[in-house]
N, C-alpha and C. Protein backbone atom coordinates (compact mmCIF):
# COMPACT_ATOMS: atom_id res chain seq x y z
N MET A 1 0.83 -1.21 0.00
CA MET A 1 0.00 0.00 0.00
C MET A 1 0.86 1.26 0.00
N SER A 2 1.92 1.24 0.76
CA SER A 2 2.80 2.39 0.86
C SER A 2 3.47 2.68 -0.48
N ASP A 3 3.85 1.63 -1.22
CA ASP A 3 4.46 1.82 -2.53
C ASP A 3 3.46 2.46 -3.50
N TYR A 4 2.22 2.03 -3.43
CA TYR A 4 1.17 2.59 -4.28
C TYR A 4 1.00 4.08 -4.00
N ILE A 5 0.95 4.45 -2.73
CA ILE A 5 0.78 5.86 -2.35
C ILE A 5 1.99 6.67 -2.80
N ASN A 6 3.18 6.12 -2.60
CA ASN A 6 4.39 6.82 -3.04
C ASN A 6 4.41 7.00 -4.55
N GLU A 7 3.94 6.00 -5.29
CA GLU A 7 3.87 6.10 -6.74
C GLU A 7 2.87 7.17 -7.17
N GLN A 8 1.72 7.21 -6.51
CA GLN A 8 0.71 8.22 -6.82
C GLN A 8 1.23 9.62 -6.50
N ILE A 9 1.91 9.75 -5.39
CA ILE A 9 2.49 11.05 -5.02
C ILE A 9 3.54 11.47 -6.04
N ALA A 10 4.37 10.52 -6.48
CA ALA A 10 5.39 10.83 -7.49
C ALA A 10 4.75 11.26 -8.80
N ARG A 11 3.67 10.58 -9.20
CA ARG A 11 2.95 10.98 -10.42
C ARG A 11 2.35 12.38 -10.28
N LEU A 12 1.76 12.61 -9.13
CA LEU A 12 1.16 13.93 -8.88
C LEU A 12 2.24 15.01 -8.89
N GLU A 13 3.36 14.72 -8.28
CA GLU A 13 4.47 15.68 -8.27
C GLU A 13 4.97 15.95 -9.68
N ALA A 14 5.06 14.92 -10.50
CA ALA A 14 5.50 15.09 -11.89
C ALA A 14 4.50 15.95 -12.67
N ARG A 15 3.22 15.70 -12.45
CA ARG A 15 2.19 16.50 -13.14
C ARG A 15 2.24 17.95 -12.69
N ILE A 16 2.44 18.16 -11.40
CA ILE A 16 2.53 19.54 -10.88
C ILE A 16 3.75 20.24 -11.47
N ASN A 17 4.88 19.53 -11.53
CA ASN A 17 6.08 20.11 -12.13
C ASN A 17 5.86 20.48 -13.59
N THR A 18 5.14 19.62 -14.31
CA THR A 18 4.82 19.92 -15.71
C THR A 18 3.94 21.16 -15.80
N LEU A 19 2.95 21.26 -14.93
CA LEU A 19 2.06 22.43 -14.93
C LEU A 19 2.82 23.70 -14.59
N VAL A 20 3.71 23.62 -13.62
CA VAL A 20 4.50 24.79 -13.25
C VAL A 20 5.37 25.23 -14.42
N SER A 21 6.00 24.27 -15.09
CA SER A 21 6.82 24.60 -16.26
C SER A 21 5.98 25.23 -17.36
N THR A 22 4.80 24.67 -17.58
CA THR A 22 3.90 25.22 -18.60
C THR A 22 3.48 26.64 -18.24
N CYS A 23 3.16 26.87 -16.98
CA CYS A 23 2.77 28.22 -16.55
C CYS A 23 3.92 29.21 -16.73
N ASP A 24 5.12 28.79 -16.38
CA ASP A 24 6.29 29.66 -16.55
C ASP A 24 6.50 30.00 -18.02
N ARG A 25 6.40 28.97 -18.88
CA ARG A 25 6.58 29.20 -20.32
C ARG A 25 5.50 30.13 -20.86
N LEU A 26 4.25 29.91 -20.45
CA LEU A 26 3.15 30.76 -20.92
C LEU A 26 3.28 32.18 -20.40
N ARG A 27 3.73 32.33 -19.18
CA ARG A 27 3.93 33.67 -18.61
C ARG A 27 4.98 34.44 -19.41
N GLU A 28 6.07 33.76 -19.75
CA GLU A 28 7.13 34.40 -20.54
C GLU A 28 6.63 34.72 -21.95
N GLU A 29 5.90 33.78 -22.54
CA GLU A 29 5.36 34.02 -23.87
C GLU A 29 4.39 35.20 -23.86
N ASN A 30 3.57 35.27 -22.83
CA ASN A 30 2.63 36.38 -22.70
C ASN A 30 3.36 37.71 -22.56
N ARG A 31 4.43 37.71 -21.76
CA ARG A 31 5.23 38.93 -21.57
C ARG A 31 5.82 39.38 -22.91
N MET A 32 6.35 38.42 -23.66
CA MET A 32 6.94 38.76 -24.96
C MET A 32 5.87 39.26 -25.94
N LEU A 33 4.70 38.65 -25.92
CA LEU A 33 3.62 39.10 -26.81
C LEU A 33 3.13 40.49 -26.45
N GLN A 34 3.04 40.77 -25.16
CA GLN A 34 2.63 42.11 -24.73
C GLN A 34 3.65 43.16 -25.16
N LYS A 35 4.93 42.81 -25.03
CA LYS A 35 5.98 43.73 -25.45
C LYS A 35 5.92 43.97 -26.95
N SER A 36 5.69 42.90 -27.69
CA SER A 36 5.57 43.01 -29.14
C SER A 36 4.36 43.86 -29.52
N GLN A 37 3.25 43.66 -28.82
CA GLN A 37 2.04 44.45 -29.10
C GLN A 37 2.28 45.92 -28.82
N GLU A 38 2.96 46.23 -27.73
CA GLU A 38 3.27 47.63 -27.42
C GLU A 38 4.12 48.24 -28.52
N SER A 39 5.10 47.49 -28.99
CA SER A 39 5.96 47.97 -30.06
C SER A 39 5.17 48.20 -31.34
N LEU A 40 4.29 47.26 -31.67
CA LEU A 40 3.47 47.41 -32.88
C LEU A 40 2.50 48.59 -32.76
N ASN A 41 1.96 48.81 -31.57
CA ASN A 41 1.07 49.95 -31.37
C ASN A 41 1.82 51.26 -31.55
N ALA A 42 3.04 51.33 -31.04
CA ALA A 42 3.85 52.54 -31.20
C ALA A 42 4.18 52.76 -32.68
N GLU A 43 4.53 51.68 -33.37
CA GLU A 43 4.83 51.78 -34.80
C GLU A 43 3.60 52.23 -35.58
N LYS A 44 2.44 51.70 -35.22
CA LYS A 44 1.20 52.09 -35.88
C LYS A 44 0.93 53.58 -35.68
N ALA A 45 1.12 54.06 -34.46
CA ALA A 45 0.90 55.48 -34.18
C ALA A 45 1.84 56.35 -35.01
N THR A 46 3.09 55.92 -35.11
CA THR A 46 4.06 56.68 -35.91
C THR A 46 3.65 56.70 -37.38
N LEU A 47 3.24 55.54 -37.89
CA LEU A 47 2.82 55.48 -39.29
C LEU A 47 1.57 56.30 -39.56
N LEU A 48 0.63 56.29 -38.63
CA LEU A 48 -0.57 57.12 -38.80
C LEU A 48 -0.22 58.60 -38.81
N GLU A 49 0.70 58.98 -37.95
CA GLU A 49 1.14 60.39 -37.90
C GLU A 49 1.83 60.77 -39.20
N ARG A 50 2.70 59.90 -39.70
CA ARG A 50 3.39 60.19 -40.97
C ARG A 50 2.39 60.26 -42.11
N ASN A 51 1.41 59.38 -42.10
CA ASN A 51 0.39 59.37 -43.14
C ASN A 51 -0.39 60.68 -43.13
N GLU A 52 -0.74 61.14 -41.94
CA GLU A 52 -1.48 62.41 -41.83
C GLU A 52 -0.63 63.58 -42.31
N MET A 53 0.65 63.57 -41.97
CA MET A 53 1.55 64.65 -42.44
C MET A 53 1.65 64.63 -43.95
N ALA A 54 1.77 63.44 -44.54
CA ALA A 54 1.86 63.33 -46.00
C ALA A 54 0.57 63.81 -46.64
N ARG A 55 -0.57 63.44 -46.05
CA ARG A 55 -1.86 63.87 -46.59
C ARG A 55 -1.96 65.41 -46.57
N SER A 56 -1.54 66.01 -45.48
CA SER A 56 -1.59 67.47 -45.37
C SER A 56 -0.70 68.13 -46.41
N ARG A 57 0.49 67.57 -46.61
CA ARG A 57 1.41 68.14 -47.60
C ARG A 57 0.84 68.01 -49.00
N ILE A 58 0.25 66.87 -49.29
CA ILE A 58 -0.34 66.66 -50.63
C ILE A 58 -1.51 67.61 -50.84
N GLU A 59 -2.36 67.76 -49.82
CA GLU A 59 -3.48 68.68 -49.95
C GLU A 59 -2.99 70.11 -50.15
N ALA A 60 -1.93 70.48 -49.48
CA ALA A 60 -1.37 71.83 -49.66
C ALA A 60 -0.83 71.99 -51.08
N MET A 61 -0.16 70.97 -51.60
CA MET A 61 0.34 71.05 -52.98
C MET A 61 -0.80 71.16 -53.97
N ILE A 62 -1.84 70.39 -53.78
CA ILE A 62 -3.00 70.46 -54.67
C ILE A 62 -3.62 71.85 -54.63
N SER A 63 -3.72 72.39 -53.44
CA SER A 63 -4.28 73.73 -53.28
C SER A 63 -3.44 74.76 -54.03
N ARG A 64 -2.11 74.65 -53.89
CA ARG A 64 -1.23 75.59 -54.61
C ARG A 64 -1.35 75.42 -56.12
N LEU A 65 -1.47 74.19 -56.58
CA LEU A 65 -1.63 73.95 -58.02
C LEU A 65 -2.94 74.56 -58.54
N LYS A 66 -4.00 74.41 -57.75
CA LYS A 66 -5.29 74.99 -58.15
C LYS A 66 -5.19 76.52 -58.19
N GLN A 67 -4.49 77.10 -57.25
CA GLN A 67 -4.31 78.55 -57.24
C GLN A 67 -3.52 79.00 -58.46
N MET A 68 -2.52 78.20 -58.84
CA MET A 68 -1.72 78.54 -60.01
C MET A 68 -2.57 78.48 -61.29
N GLU A 69 -3.50 77.51 -61.36
CA GLU A 69 -4.37 77.39 -62.53
C GLU A 69 -5.29 78.59 -62.66
N HIS A 70 -5.78 79.07 -61.51
CA HIS A 70 -6.76 80.16 -61.51
C HIS A 70 -6.12 81.53 -61.36
N GLY A 71 -4.81 81.56 -61.10
CA GLY A 71 -4.19 82.84 -60.83
C GLY A 71 -3.41 83.34 -61.93
């Protein structure tokens, strides 16, 4: 009976160790994904800002061209 209990405890301990390892791996993966998402959000904000600046410059050029046509 004692061997059976020791075997069950060893199996349980092995399963717990596997779960702890899995949790550690997932925690690290989650941290890396969050960092990546923050970086992508910052890049997106920069690209949106550049796009808006380009749009403004193009609209200004179009406006000047229209003035040249009518002036």
